Amino acid sequence: MPKLHPFHDRVLVRVTPKVEMTAGGIILPDELEPSETHGIVVEVGCGKPDDKGICSGMPISVGDTVHFSNFARREQYEDCIVLKEEDIFGIVYRQ
C-alpha cells in the first residue's frame, strides 16, 4: 500500500466509526447525530507556506485525535480522508 504524505496545510485522517448508541444505551437516529466527526491523524503536511515559500509548521501531530466538520471539503484516500487544517476544529484530549 503506497503511503501518502500531504502537502502544505493538508492532514490525512483516519475517521473513527460513528457511535450509534450513547453510553447510556440510547440509540441516536441519523438526523440527530452531530454534523461534526472525529478521526486520528495519520500524516500531516509541513504547514501553510508564507510569502517566501517557507512552511509555518502544523499544530497537529501524527496520532492526535481531531474534531472536524462533516461538511468540510475532503478527498478520499484508501480508508482515510485528506482535510485542510482550517477544517479541523481542534484536538480532542482524553482525561
N, C-alpha and C. Protein backbone atom coordinates (compact mmCIF):
# COMPACT_ATOMS: atom_id res chain seq x y z
N MET A 1 0.85 -1.17 0.00
CA MET A 1 0.00 0.00 0.00
C MET A 1 0.90 1.24 0.00
N PRO A 2 0.76 2.11 -0.99
CA PRO A 2 1.57 3.33 -1.03
C PRO A 2 1.18 4.28 0.09
N LYS A 3 2.17 5.02 0.58
CA LYS A 3 1.95 5.96 1.67
C LYS A 3 1.80 7.36 1.09
N LEU A 4 0.83 8.11 1.59
CA LEU A 4 0.59 9.47 1.13
C LEU A 4 1.08 10.45 2.18
N HIS A 5 1.93 11.38 1.77
CA HIS A 5 2.35 12.47 2.66
C HIS A 5 1.72 13.75 2.11
N PRO A 6 0.78 14.35 2.85
CA PRO A 6 0.08 15.53 2.33
C PRO A 6 0.98 16.76 2.23
N PHE A 7 0.68 17.61 1.26
CA PHE A 7 1.41 18.87 1.08
C PHE A 7 0.83 19.97 1.96
N HIS A 8 1.67 20.91 2.31
CA HIS A 8 1.32 22.16 2.97
C HIS A 8 0.38 21.99 4.15
N ASP A 9 -0.83 22.59 4.10
CA ASP A 9 -1.73 22.60 5.25
C ASP A 9 -2.77 21.49 5.19
N ARG A 10 -2.43 20.37 4.56
CA ARG A 10 -3.34 19.24 4.46
C ARG A 10 -3.00 18.20 5.53
N VAL A 11 -4.03 17.47 5.96
CA VAL A 11 -3.89 16.47 7.02
C VAL A 11 -4.58 15.19 6.57
N LEU A 12 -3.93 14.05 6.73
CA LEU A 12 -4.52 12.75 6.41
C LEU A 12 -5.09 12.18 7.71
N VAL A 13 -6.41 11.91 7.72
CA VAL A 13 -7.11 11.49 8.94
C VAL A 13 -7.84 10.18 8.68
N ARG A 14 -7.70 9.24 9.62
CA ARG A 14 -8.49 8.01 9.59
C ARG A 14 -9.72 8.26 10.46
N VAL A 15 -10.89 8.26 9.84
CA VAL A 15 -12.13 8.58 10.54
C VAL A 15 -12.50 7.44 11.48
N THR A 16 -12.85 7.81 12.72
CA THR A 16 -13.32 6.81 13.67
C THR A 16 -14.79 6.53 13.39
N PRO A 17 -15.22 5.29 13.56
CA PRO A 17 -16.62 4.96 13.27
C PRO A 17 -17.59 5.75 14.13
N LYS A 18 -18.76 6.06 13.54
CA LYS A 18 -19.79 6.79 14.28
C LYS A 18 -20.36 5.91 15.40
N VAL A 19 -20.63 6.55 16.52
CA VAL A 19 -21.26 5.85 17.63
C VAL A 19 -22.77 5.90 17.40
N GLU A 20 -23.38 4.75 17.26
CA GLU A 20 -24.81 4.70 17.01
C GLU A 20 -25.61 4.62 18.29
N MET A 21 -24.91 4.42 19.43
CA MET A 21 -25.60 4.32 20.71
C MET A 21 -24.81 5.13 21.74
N THR A 22 -25.50 5.88 22.59
CA THR A 22 -24.84 6.65 23.63
C THR A 22 -24.36 5.71 24.73
N ALA A 23 -23.55 6.25 25.65
CA ALA A 23 -23.05 5.45 26.76
C ALA A 23 -24.20 4.93 27.63
N GLY A 24 -25.31 5.67 27.66
CA GLY A 24 -26.47 5.25 28.45
C GLY A 24 -27.36 4.25 27.73
N GLY A 25 -27.01 3.89 26.50
CA GLY A 25 -27.76 2.88 25.77
C GLY A 25 -28.83 3.45 24.86
N ILE A 26 -28.87 4.77 24.66
CA ILE A 26 -29.87 5.39 23.79
C ILE A 26 -29.35 5.38 22.36
N ILE A 27 -30.15 4.86 21.45
CA ILE A 27 -29.78 4.82 20.04
C ILE A 27 -30.20 6.13 19.40
N LEU A 28 -29.24 6.77 18.69
CA LEU A 28 -29.49 8.06 18.05
C LEU A 28 -29.90 7.85 16.59
N PRO A 29 -31.03 8.40 16.17
CA PRO A 29 -31.37 8.35 14.75
C PRO A 29 -30.42 9.24 13.96
N ASP A 30 -30.30 8.97 12.65
CA ASP A 30 -29.36 9.70 11.80
C ASP A 30 -29.52 11.21 11.86
N GLU A 31 -30.75 11.72 11.88
CA GLU A 31 -30.95 13.17 11.83
C GLU A 31 -30.54 13.86 13.12
N LEU A 32 -30.36 13.13 14.22
CA LEU A 32 -29.95 13.74 15.48
C LEU A 32 -28.45 13.63 15.72
N GLU A 33 -27.75 12.90 14.86
CA GLU A 33 -26.31 12.78 15.04
C GLU A 33 -25.65 14.11 14.73
N PRO A 34 -24.59 14.46 15.46
CA PRO A 34 -23.93 15.73 15.19
C PRO A 34 -23.30 15.75 13.81
N SER A 35 -23.20 16.94 13.20
CA SER A 35 -22.65 17.05 11.86
C SER A 35 -21.12 16.97 11.88
N GLU A 36 -20.50 17.13 13.04
CA GLU A 36 -19.06 17.03 13.15
C GLU A 36 -18.68 15.57 13.42
N THR A 37 -17.43 15.27 13.23
CA THR A 37 -16.97 13.90 13.47
C THR A 37 -15.53 13.92 13.97
N HIS A 38 -15.00 12.77 14.30
CA HIS A 38 -13.66 12.63 14.86
C HIS A 38 -12.81 11.70 14.00
N GLY A 39 -11.51 11.81 14.15
CA GLY A 39 -10.59 10.91 13.47
C GLY A 39 -9.21 11.00 14.08
N ILE A 40 -8.37 10.05 13.69
CA ILE A 40 -6.99 10.01 14.17
C ILE A 40 -6.07 10.44 13.04
N VAL A 41 -5.17 11.36 13.33
CA VAL A 41 -4.25 11.90 12.33
C VAL A 41 -3.21 10.84 11.98
N VAL A 42 -3.08 10.57 10.67
CA VAL A 42 -2.14 9.58 10.16
C VAL A 42 -0.88 10.26 9.62
N GLU A 43 -1.04 11.37 8.92
CA GLU A 43 0.08 12.14 8.36
C GLU A 43 -0.30 13.61 8.34
N VAL A 44 0.69 14.48 8.45
CA VAL A 44 0.46 15.94 8.36
C VAL A 44 1.45 16.55 7.37
N GLY A 45 0.99 17.61 6.71
CA GLY A 45 1.88 18.38 5.83
C GLY A 45 2.77 19.28 6.66
N CYS A 46 3.57 20.11 6.00
CA CYS A 46 4.53 20.97 6.70
C CYS A 46 3.90 22.28 7.19
N GLY A 47 2.68 22.57 6.79
CA GLY A 47 2.03 23.82 7.19
C GLY A 47 1.87 24.75 6.00
N LYS A 48 1.11 25.79 6.20
CA LYS A 48 0.85 26.75 5.12
C LYS A 48 2.11 27.56 4.82
N PRO A 49 2.50 27.65 3.54
CA PRO A 49 3.70 28.42 3.22
C PRO A 49 3.46 29.93 3.30
N ASP A 50 4.49 30.66 3.73
CA ASP A 50 4.39 32.12 3.77
C ASP A 50 4.75 32.71 2.40
N ASP A 51 4.93 34.01 2.33
CA ASP A 51 5.24 34.68 1.06
C ASP A 51 6.55 34.20 0.43
N LYS A 52 7.47 33.74 1.24
CA LYS A 52 8.77 33.27 0.74
C LYS A 52 8.76 31.77 0.46
N GLY A 53 7.61 31.11 0.69
CA GLY A 53 7.51 29.68 0.42
C GLY A 53 7.96 28.80 1.56
N ILE A 54 8.20 29.38 2.73
CA ILE A 54 8.64 28.61 3.88
C ILE A 54 7.41 28.16 4.68
N CYS A 55 7.37 26.87 4.98
CA CYS A 55 6.23 26.31 5.72
C CYS A 55 6.25 26.78 7.17
N SER A 56 5.06 27.03 7.70
CA SER A 56 4.93 27.58 9.04
C SER A 56 4.85 26.52 10.14
N GLY A 57 4.71 25.27 9.79
CA GLY A 57 4.56 24.22 10.79
C GLY A 57 3.09 23.98 11.08
N MET A 58 2.79 22.86 11.71
CA MET A 58 1.40 22.49 12.00
C MET A 58 1.23 22.27 13.50
N PRO A 59 0.10 22.71 14.05
CA PRO A 59 -0.17 22.47 15.47
C PRO A 59 -0.68 21.06 15.73
N ILE A 60 -0.85 20.29 14.68
CA ILE A 60 -1.40 18.94 14.76
C ILE A 60 -0.28 17.94 14.51
N SER A 61 -0.27 16.84 15.28
CA SER A 61 0.76 15.82 15.14
C SER A 61 0.13 14.48 14.79
N VAL A 62 0.95 13.59 14.24
CA VAL A 62 0.50 12.23 13.95
C VAL A 62 0.09 11.58 15.26
N GLY A 63 -1.06 10.91 15.25
CA GLY A 63 -1.58 10.25 16.45
C GLY A 63 -2.61 11.06 17.21
N ASP A 64 -2.72 12.37 16.93
CA ASP A 64 -3.74 13.21 17.59
C ASP A 64 -5.13 12.78 17.14
N THR A 65 -6.08 12.85 18.06
CA THR A 65 -7.49 12.68 17.72
C THR A 65 -8.05 14.07 17.49
N VAL A 66 -8.63 14.30 16.31
CA VAL A 66 -9.12 15.63 15.95
C VAL A 66 -10.62 15.62 15.73
N HIS A 67 -11.21 16.79 15.88
CA HIS A 67 -12.65 17.01 15.70
C HIS A 67 -12.81 17.93 14.50
N PHE A 68 -13.58 17.50 13.50
CA PHE A 68 -13.72 18.30 12.28
C PHE A 68 -15.14 18.26 11.77
N SER A 69 -15.47 19.18 10.89
CA SER A 69 -16.81 19.29 10.34
C SER A 69 -17.07 18.17 9.34
N ASN A 70 -18.26 17.62 9.41
CA ASN A 70 -18.68 16.59 8.46
C ASN A 70 -18.92 17.22 7.08
N PHE A 71 -19.08 18.54 7.03
CA PHE A 71 -19.36 19.23 5.78
C PHE A 71 -18.11 19.81 5.13
N ALA A 72 -16.94 19.56 5.71
CA ALA A 72 -15.69 20.06 5.15
C ALA A 72 -15.40 19.37 3.82
N ARG A 73 -14.78 20.11 2.91
CA ARG A 73 -14.37 19.51 1.65
C ARG A 73 -13.26 18.51 1.94
N ARG A 74 -13.41 17.31 1.43
CA ARG A 74 -12.44 16.26 1.72
C ARG A 74 -12.21 15.40 0.50
N GLU A 75 -11.05 14.79 0.47
CA GLU A 75 -10.69 13.86 -0.58
C GLU A 75 -10.47 12.50 0.08
N GLN A 76 -10.99 11.46 -0.53
CA GLN A 76 -10.83 10.11 -0.01
C GLN A 76 -9.49 9.54 -0.44
N TYR A 77 -8.78 8.89 0.48
CA TYR A 77 -7.55 8.17 0.16
C TYR A 77 -7.58 6.87 0.94
N GLU A 78 -7.82 5.77 0.25
CA GLU A 78 -7.95 4.45 0.84
C GLU A 78 -8.96 4.51 1.99
N ASP A 79 -8.56 4.18 3.22
CA ASP A 79 -9.51 4.21 4.33
C ASP A 79 -9.43 5.51 5.13
N CYS A 80 -8.81 6.54 4.54
CA CYS A 80 -8.62 7.83 5.21
C CYS A 80 -9.21 8.96 4.36
N ILE A 81 -9.22 10.16 4.93
CA ILE A 81 -9.62 11.36 4.19
C ILE A 81 -8.52 12.41 4.33
N VAL A 82 -8.43 13.29 3.34
CA VAL A 82 -7.49 14.40 3.38
C VAL A 82 -8.29 15.67 3.63
N LEU A 83 -7.93 16.39 4.69
CA LEU A 83 -8.60 17.63 5.08
C LEU A 83 -7.61 18.77 5.08
N LYS A 84 -8.12 19.99 4.96
CA LYS A 84 -7.28 21.18 5.16
C LYS A 84 -7.25 21.48 6.66
N GLU A 85 -6.17 22.08 7.11
CA GLU A 85 -6.03 22.42 8.53
C GLU A 85 -7.19 23.28 9.02
N GLU A 86 -7.66 24.21 8.19
CA GLU A 86 -8.73 25.12 8.61
C GLU A 86 -10.06 24.42 8.84
N ASP A 87 -10.24 23.20 8.33
CA ASP A 87 -11.48 22.45 8.54
C ASP A 87 -11.48 21.64 9.83
N ILE A 88 -10.35 21.64 10.53
CA ILE A 88 -10.25 20.93 11.80
C ILE A 88 -10.52 21.90 12.93
N PHE A 89 -11.49 21.56 13.77
CA PHE A 89 -11.86 22.44 14.89
C PHE A 89 -10.86 22.41 16.03
N GLY A 90 -10.29 21.24 16.30
CA GLY A 90 -9.34 21.14 17.39
C GLY A 90 -8.94 19.71 17.67
N ILE A 91 -8.05 19.59 18.66
CA ILE A 91 -7.55 18.29 19.09
C ILE A 91 -8.38 17.84 20.30
N VAL A 92 -8.77 16.58 20.31
CA VAL A 92 -9.56 16.02 21.41
C VAL A 92 -8.59 15.37 22.39
N TYR A 93 -8.61 15.85 23.65
CA TYR A 93 -7.77 15.28 24.70
C TYR A 93 -8.63 14.44 25.61
N ARG A 94 -8.16 13.25 25.93
CA ARG A 94 -8.87 12.36 26.87
C ARG A 94 -8.26 12.56 28.25
N GLN A 95 -9.14 12.70 29.27
CA GLN A 95 -8.64 12.90 30.64
C GLN A 95 -8.76 11.64 31.43
